[in-house]
Amino acid sequence: MHNVRVRDTEAGEIVNFHCYAEPTLSVIAVHDRVDEIERGLRRAFPTVKRVISHAEPPNAD
């Protein structure tokens, strides 16, 4: 994960992040893994109300 940002709003925290995904994975597999990360963040930090993620291939920076 990189480019992690957290904004505090009246509704709760909004987390934005980018993450690397292996280019050999299917789009569905990448989305499933990113969804797991998002659910884990919300479980670990109940104040997080929204998670916005962006998956990209390695070395995309």
N, C-alpha and C. Protein backbone atom coordinates (compact mmCIF):
# COMPACT_ATOMS: atom_id res chain seq x y z
N MET A 1 0.84 -1.18 0.00
CA MET A 1 0.00 0.00 0.00
C MET A 1 0.88 1.24 0.00
N HIS A 2 0.39 2.25 -0.67
CA HIS A 2 1.08 3.53 -0.69
C HIS A 2 0.06 4.62 -0.99
N ASN A 3 0.50 5.86 -0.91
CA ASN A 3 -0.39 7.01 -1.10
C ASN A 3 -1.63 6.89 -0.22
N VAL A 4 -1.41 6.57 1.04
CA VAL A 4 -2.52 6.43 1.99
C VAL A 4 -2.88 7.81 2.52
N ARG A 5 -4.17 8.12 2.46
CA ARG A 5 -4.67 9.38 3.00
C ARG A 5 -5.92 9.08 3.82
N VAL A 6 -6.07 9.82 4.90
CA VAL A 6 -7.26 9.69 5.74
C VAL A 6 -7.84 11.08 5.94
N ARG A 7 -9.14 11.20 5.66
CA ARG A 7 -9.84 12.46 5.90
C ARG A 7 -10.88 12.24 6.98
N ASP A 8 -10.95 13.18 7.88
CA ASP A 8 -11.96 13.11 8.94
C ASP A 8 -13.16 13.95 8.50
N THR A 9 -14.33 13.32 8.48
CA THR A 9 -15.55 14.02 8.10
C THR A 9 -16.56 13.88 9.23
N GLU A 10 -17.67 14.58 9.12
CA GLU A 10 -18.72 14.46 10.14
C GLU A 10 -19.26 13.04 10.21
N ALA A 11 -19.28 12.34 9.08
CA ALA A 11 -19.80 10.98 9.04
C ALA A 11 -18.79 9.95 9.54
N GLY A 12 -17.52 10.30 9.58
CA GLY A 12 -16.46 9.38 9.98
C GLY A 12 -15.26 9.54 9.06
N GLU A 13 -14.28 8.71 9.24
CA GLU A 13 -13.05 8.81 8.46
C GLU A 13 -13.22 8.18 7.08
N ILE A 14 -12.59 8.80 6.11
CA ILE A 14 -12.55 8.27 4.75
C ILE A 14 -11.09 7.97 4.44
N VAL A 15 -10.82 6.73 4.06
CA VAL A 15 -9.46 6.29 3.77
C VAL A 15 -9.32 6.09 2.26
N ASN A 16 -8.27 6.66 1.69
CA ASN A 16 -7.91 6.45 0.28
C ASN A 16 -6.54 5.80 0.25
N PHE A 17 -6.37 4.81 -0.61
CA PHE A 17 -5.04 4.22 -0.76
C PHE A 17 -4.87 3.62 -2.14
N HIS A 18 -3.62 3.46 -2.52
CA HIS A 18 -3.25 2.74 -3.73
C HIS A 18 -2.54 1.47 -3.28
N CYS A 19 -2.66 0.42 -4.06
CA CYS A 19 -1.95 -0.81 -3.74
C CYS A 19 -1.51 -1.48 -5.04
N TYR A 20 -0.47 -2.26 -4.92
CA TYR A 20 0.05 -2.98 -6.08
C TYR A 20 -0.64 -4.34 -6.21
N ALA A 21 -0.91 -4.72 -7.44
CA ALA A 21 -1.52 -6.02 -7.72
C ALA A 21 -0.69 -6.71 -8.80
N GLU A 22 -0.50 -7.99 -8.61
CA GLU A 22 0.25 -8.75 -9.61
C GLU A 22 -0.49 -8.72 -10.95
N PRO A 23 0.20 -8.41 -12.01
CA PRO A 23 -0.46 -8.31 -13.32
C PRO A 23 -1.00 -9.65 -13.83
N THR A 24 -0.56 -10.75 -13.23
CA THR A 24 -1.05 -12.05 -13.66
C THR A 24 -2.42 -12.39 -13.06
N LEU A 25 -2.85 -11.63 -12.05
CA LEU A 25 -4.14 -11.87 -11.43
C LEU A 25 -5.27 -11.34 -12.30
N SER A 26 -6.41 -12.01 -12.24
CA SER A 26 -7.57 -11.52 -12.97
C SER A 26 -8.13 -10.28 -12.26
N VAL A 27 -8.91 -9.52 -12.98
CA VAL A 27 -9.53 -8.33 -12.40
C VAL A 27 -10.40 -8.74 -11.21
N ILE A 28 -11.10 -9.83 -11.34
CA ILE A 28 -11.96 -10.31 -10.24
C ILE A 28 -11.12 -10.65 -9.01
N ALA A 29 -10.00 -11.32 -9.20
CA ALA A 29 -9.13 -11.69 -8.08
C ALA A 29 -8.57 -10.44 -7.39
N VAL A 30 -8.17 -9.46 -8.18
CA VAL A 30 -7.65 -8.21 -7.60
C VAL A 30 -8.75 -7.53 -6.79
N HIS A 31 -9.94 -7.44 -7.33
CA HIS A 31 -11.04 -6.80 -6.61
C HIS A 31 -11.36 -7.56 -5.33
N ASP A 32 -11.33 -8.87 -5.37
CA ASP A 32 -11.59 -9.66 -4.16
C ASP A 32 -10.55 -9.36 -3.08
N ARG A 33 -9.30 -9.28 -3.46
CA ARG A 33 -8.23 -9.02 -2.48
C ARG A 33 -8.33 -7.60 -1.93
N VAL A 34 -8.63 -6.65 -2.78
CA VAL A 34 -8.77 -5.26 -2.33
C VAL A 34 -9.99 -5.16 -1.40
N ASP A 35 -11.07 -5.84 -1.74
CA ASP A 35 -12.24 -5.85 -0.86
C ASP A 35 -11.90 -6.39 0.52
N GLU A 36 -11.05 -7.42 0.58
CA GLU A 36 -10.62 -7.97 1.88
C GLU A 36 -9.88 -6.92 2.68
N ILE A 37 -9.01 -6.17 2.03
CA ILE A 37 -8.26 -5.10 2.72
C ILE A 37 -9.24 -4.06 3.25
N GLU A 38 -10.19 -3.66 2.42
CA GLU A 38 -11.16 -2.64 2.83
C GLU A 38 -11.98 -3.12 4.03
N ARG A 39 -12.47 -4.36 3.99
CA ARG A 39 -13.25 -4.89 5.12
C ARG A 39 -12.39 -4.97 6.38
N GLY A 40 -11.13 -5.37 6.23
CA GLY A 40 -10.23 -5.45 7.37
C GLY A 40 -9.99 -4.09 8.01
N LEU A 41 -9.84 -3.07 7.19
CA LEU A 41 -9.66 -1.71 7.73
C LEU A 41 -10.89 -1.27 8.52
N ARG A 42 -12.06 -1.52 7.97
CA ARG A 42 -13.29 -1.11 8.67
C ARG A 42 -13.49 -1.90 9.96
N ARG A 43 -13.10 -3.17 9.97
CA ARG A 43 -13.20 -3.97 11.21
C ARG A 43 -12.21 -3.47 12.26
N ALA A 44 -11.00 -3.19 11.84
CA ALA A 44 -9.95 -2.78 12.78
C ALA A 44 -10.14 -1.36 13.28
N PHE A 45 -10.77 -0.52 12.46
CA PHE A 45 -10.94 0.89 12.80
C PHE A 45 -12.41 1.27 12.57
N PRO A 46 -13.25 1.10 13.59
CA PRO A 46 -14.68 1.36 13.43
C PRO A 46 -15.02 2.80 13.02
N THR A 47 -14.10 3.72 13.23
CA THR A 47 -14.37 5.11 12.85
C THR A 47 -14.25 5.31 11.33
N VAL A 48 -13.71 4.32 10.62
CA VAL A 48 -13.61 4.40 9.16
C VAL A 48 -14.98 4.07 8.57
N LYS A 49 -15.53 5.03 7.85
CA LYS A 49 -16.85 4.85 7.26
C LYS A 49 -16.79 4.54 5.77
N ARG A 50 -15.70 4.91 5.13
CA ARG A 50 -15.58 4.65 3.70
C ARG A 50 -14.12 4.40 3.36
N VAL A 51 -13.89 3.44 2.47
CA VAL A 51 -12.54 3.14 2.00
C VAL A 51 -12.57 3.20 0.48
N ILE A 52 -11.66 3.97 -0.09
CA ILE A 52 -11.54 4.10 -1.54
C ILE A 52 -10.15 3.60 -1.91
N SER A 53 -10.11 2.61 -2.79
CA SER A 53 -8.83 2.01 -3.15
C SER A 53 -8.60 2.07 -4.64
N HIS A 54 -7.33 1.97 -4.98
CA HIS A 54 -6.92 1.96 -6.39
C HIS A 54 -5.82 0.94 -6.55
N ALA A 55 -6.11 -0.14 -7.26
CA ALA A 55 -5.09 -1.18 -7.51
C ALA A 55 -4.36 -0.86 -8.81
N GLU A 56 -3.07 -1.12 -8.80
CA GLU A 56 -2.26 -0.86 -9.98
C GLU A 56 -1.15 -1.90 -10.08
N PRO A 57 -0.59 -2.09 -11.27
CA PRO A 57 0.50 -3.06 -11.39
C PRO A 57 1.76 -2.55 -10.69
N PRO A 58 2.64 -3.45 -10.28
CA PRO A 58 3.91 -3.02 -9.66
C PRO A 58 4.67 -2.10 -10.61
N ASN A 59 5.44 -1.20 -10.01
CA ASN A 59 6.27 -0.25 -10.77
C ASN A 59 5.45 0.69 -11.63
N ALA A 60 4.22 0.97 -11.22
CA ALA A 60 3.38 1.90 -11.98
C ALA A 60 3.68 3.34 -11.62
N ASP A 61 4.42 3.55 -10.53
CA ASP A 61 4.73 4.93 -10.09
C ASP A 61 5.59 5.66 -11.10
